[in-house]
């Protein structure tokens, strides 16, 4: 699997115009970076209550299906990532008061990347709390949609086509980060 490239110039890059630069990466990598999809999907992403989670997951799943119908794998994968993030963030808020999992700020060099980065994990809150139960319900709603995304035959086929076309296109994979700052179109 090719890692998500965090060195691209996300301020100017349009992945609809340059889909070959997109890498699926792991989990939700790049979910808040890949334009124009972030701007299209993010306004619909909500998980505070089960009602909002249902509306949000239904809307984003409809977008997922629309992207698939257009043959737009990057859009479909970004919708899948937002749905997955709805699940993981809901679970985090169910497990940790205020959604804060680690003690302290993310080191500057690790911004945008997941992980503890040497920070201690905070204790989990009781699952008996009403707020934890509400977020757990939201998580379950997103989990069902996430499972539907991963099981979707059209998504699987389009992912396979995308990988066959672009994953072996490694022209940008091993360039130094300075290259992307010097070439703002990327």
Protein backbone atom coordinates (compact mmCIF):
# COMPACT_ATOMS: atom_id res chain seq x y z
CA UNK A 1 0.00 0.00 0.00
CA UNK A 2 1.24 3.49 -0.84
CA UNK A 3 1.24 5.92 2.05
CA UNK A 4 -0.72 9.14 1.95
CA UNK A 5 1.61 11.93 0.78
CA UNK A 6 1.49 14.75 3.33
CA UNK A 7 4.06 16.81 1.37
CA UNK A 8 1.73 17.88 -1.43
CA UNK A 9 0.65 21.51 -1.63
CA UNK A 10 -2.92 21.03 -0.38
CA UNK A 11 -3.64 24.77 -0.51
CA UNK A 12 -3.66 24.75 -4.31
CA UNK A 13 -4.09 21.13 -5.35
CA UNK A 14 -7.42 20.03 -6.82
CA UNK A 15 -7.64 16.23 -6.64
CA UNK A 16 -10.55 16.13 -9.06
CA UNK A 17 -8.17 17.56 -11.67
CA UNK A 18 -5.18 15.49 -10.49
CA UNK A 19 -6.56 12.18 -9.17
CA UNK A 20 -3.27 10.41 -9.82
CA UNK A 21 -1.71 12.24 -6.88
CA UNK A 22 -4.24 10.76 -4.44
CA UNK A 23 -3.20 7.87 -2.23
CA UNK A 24 -5.74 6.02 -0.09
CA UNK A 25 -3.26 5.57 2.74
CA UNK A 26 -4.53 4.13 6.01
CA UNK A 27 -7.91 4.77 7.57
CA UNK A 28 -8.84 8.44 7.43
CA UNK A 29 -5.51 9.84 6.27
CA UNK A 30 -5.97 13.09 4.37
CA UNK A 31 -9.69 13.40 5.10
CA UNK A 32 -9.37 17.09 6.02
CA UNK A 33 -6.84 17.92 3.29
CA UNK A 34 -8.13 16.59 -0.04
CA UNK A 35 -9.96 19.29 -1.99
CA UNK A 36 -12.49 19.90 -3.43
CA UNK A 37 -13.99 16.91 -1.63
CA UNK A 38 -13.33 18.19 1.88
CA UNK A 39 -15.31 21.35 1.12
CA UNK A 40 -18.13 19.36 -0.47
CA UNK A 41 -18.50 16.78 2.32
CA UNK A 42 -17.44 18.50 5.56
CA UNK A 43 -20.52 20.78 5.86
CA UNK A 44 -22.67 17.63 6.13
CA UNK A 45 -20.53 15.86 8.76
CA UNK A 46 -22.17 15.83 12.22
CA UNK A 47 -22.19 13.31 15.07
CA UNK A 48 -23.27 15.14 18.25
CA UNK A 49 -26.56 13.20 18.54
CA UNK A 50 -27.91 10.03 16.95
CA UNK A 51 -30.39 12.15 14.98
CA UNK A 52 -27.61 14.31 13.52
CA UNK A 53 -25.48 11.22 12.91
CA UNK A 54 -28.32 9.55 10.99
CA UNK A 55 -28.93 12.63 8.82
CA UNK A 56 -25.19 13.13 8.29
CA UNK A 57 -24.38 9.52 7.47
CA UNK A 58 -27.35 9.28 5.08
CA UNK A 59 -26.31 12.46 3.27
CA UNK A 60 -22.65 11.51 3.01
CA UNK A 61 -23.54 7.98 1.92
CA UNK A 62 -25.73 9.46 -0.85
CA UNK A 63 -22.70 11.54 -1.89
CA UNK A 64 -20.60 8.35 -1.84
CA UNK A 65 -23.08 6.72 -4.24
CA UNK A 66 -23.13 9.83 -6.46
CA UNK A 67 -19.33 9.86 -6.68
CA UNK A 68 -19.40 6.17 -7.61
CA UNK A 69 -22.01 6.83 -10.31
CA UNK A 70 -19.68 9.51 -11.73
CA UNK A 71 -16.74 7.09 -11.69
CA UNK A 72 -14.98 9.39 -9.19
CA UNK A 73 -13.03 7.07 -6.91
CA UNK A 74 -11.30 9.87 -4.99
CA UNK A 75 -14.67 11.44 -4.14
CA UNK A 76 -16.15 8.08 -3.13
CA UNK A 77 -13.12 7.27 -0.98
CA UNK A 78 -13.26 10.68 0.69
CA UNK A 79 -16.96 10.15 1.48
CA UNK A 80 -16.02 6.74 2.92
CA UNK A 81 -13.33 8.41 5.04
CA UNK A 82 -15.77 10.99 6.40
CA UNK A 83 -18.18 8.21 7.33
CA UNK A 84 -15.33 6.28 8.97
CA UNK A 85 -14.31 9.46 10.80
CA UNK A 86 -17.90 9.85 12.02
CA UNK A 87 -17.53 6.43 13.61
CA UNK A 88 -14.07 6.98 15.11
CA UNK A 89 -14.80 10.47 16.44
CA UNK A 90 -18.10 9.35 17.96
CA UNK A 91 -16.29 6.45 19.65
CA UNK A 92 -13.59 8.82 20.90
CA UNK A 93 -16.20 11.12 22.44
CA UNK A 94 -17.96 8.10 23.93
CA UNK A 95 -14.69 6.93 25.48
CA UNK A 96 -13.11 10.25 26.47
CA UNK A 97 -14.85 13.29 27.93
CA UNK A 98 -14.58 16.13 25.45
CA UNK A 99 -13.05 13.77 22.88
CA UNK A 100 -9.56 14.36 24.21
CA UNK A 101 -7.71 11.05 24.08
CA UNK A 102 -4.12 12.17 24.77
CA UNK A 103 -2.61 14.49 27.36
CA UNK A 104 -1.02 17.60 25.87
CA UNK A 105 -0.83 19.19 22.46
CA UNK A 106 0.20 17.43 19.25
CA UNK A 107 3.86 18.23 18.50
CA UNK A 108 4.15 20.76 15.65
CA UNK A 109 6.04 18.29 13.46
CA UNK A 110 3.19 15.77 13.81
CA UNK A 111 0.19 18.05 13.10
CA UNK A 112 -2.32 16.35 10.82
CA UNK A 113 -1.04 12.87 11.65
CA UNK A 114 -2.77 10.53 14.03
CA UNK A 115 -1.11 8.90 17.00
CA UNK A 116 0.08 9.50 20.54
CA UNK A 117 3.46 10.99 19.51
CA UNK A 118 4.86 10.33 22.99
CA UNK A 119 1.84 11.70 24.88
CA UNK A 120 0.09 9.74 27.62
CA UNK A 121 -3.40 8.41 26.93
CA UNK A 122 -6.05 9.88 29.20
CA UNK A 123 -8.33 7.52 31.18
CA UNK A 124 -11.61 6.48 29.60
CA UNK A 125 -14.91 7.75 30.98
CA UNK A 126 -17.66 5.49 32.23
CA UNK A 127 -19.83 4.05 29.47
CA UNK A 128 -22.79 4.46 31.84
CA UNK A 129 -22.79 8.24 31.35
CA UNK A 130 -25.62 9.51 29.17
CA UNK A 131 -23.20 11.50 27.00
CA UNK A 132 -21.14 8.37 26.37
CA UNK A 133 -24.25 6.39 25.42
CA UNK A 134 -25.40 9.11 23.01
CA UNK A 135 -22.03 9.16 21.25
CA UNK A 136 -21.95 5.35 21.18
CA UNK A 137 -25.32 5.41 19.37
CA UNK A 138 -23.93 7.94 16.88
CA UNK A 139 -20.91 5.70 16.37
CA UNK A 140 -23.11 2.69 15.62
CA UNK A 141 -25.05 4.66 12.99
CA UNK A 142 -21.83 5.65 11.21
CA UNK A 143 -20.42 2.12 11.58
CA UNK A 144 -23.38 0.68 9.67
CA UNK A 145 -22.81 3.12 6.78
CA UNK A 146 -19.06 2.52 6.87
CA UNK A 147 -19.69 -1.22 6.54
CA UNK A 148 -22.00 -0.51 3.57
CA UNK A 149 -19.27 1.55 1.91
CA UNK A 150 -16.65 -1.16 2.32
CA UNK A 151 -19.01 -3.87 1.06
CA UNK A 152 -20.18 -1.89 -1.98
CA UNK A 153 -19.26 -3.84 -5.13
CA UNK A 154 -18.99 -0.70 -7.27
CA UNK A 155 -16.61 0.86 -4.73
CA UNK A 156 -14.43 -2.25 -4.70
CA UNK A 157 -14.32 -2.37 -8.51
CA UNK A 158 -13.57 1.35 -8.85
CA UNK A 159 -10.83 1.09 -6.21
CA UNK A 160 -9.24 -1.77 -8.12
CA UNK A 161 -9.37 0.26 -11.37
CA UNK A 162 -7.97 3.33 -9.65
CA UNK A 163 -5.09 1.38 -8.13
CA UNK A 164 -4.29 -0.30 -11.45
CA UNK A 165 -4.17 3.09 -13.16
CA UNK A 166 -2.45 5.23 -10.53
CA UNK A 167 -0.79 3.29 -7.71
CA UNK A 168 2.18 2.31 -9.83
CA UNK A 169 2.52 5.92 -11.02
CA UNK A 170 5.35 6.71 -8.64
CA UNK A 171 6.70 9.83 -10.36
CA UNK A 172 5.93 11.97 -7.30
CA UNK A 173 6.37 9.40 -4.53
CA UNK A 174 10.06 9.86 -3.73
CA UNK A 175 10.57 13.57 -4.30
CA UNK A 176 11.76 15.72 -1.38
CA UNK A 177 9.13 17.85 0.41
CA UNK A 178 10.80 21.02 -0.92
CA UNK A 179 9.81 19.99 -4.46
CA UNK A 180 6.14 20.42 -3.62
CA UNK A 181 6.67 23.87 -2.12
CA UNK A 182 8.56 24.94 -5.26
CA UNK A 183 5.82 23.55 -7.55
CA UNK A 184 2.57 24.95 -6.11
CA UNK A 185 0.37 23.28 -8.74
CA UNK A 186 1.08 20.01 -6.95
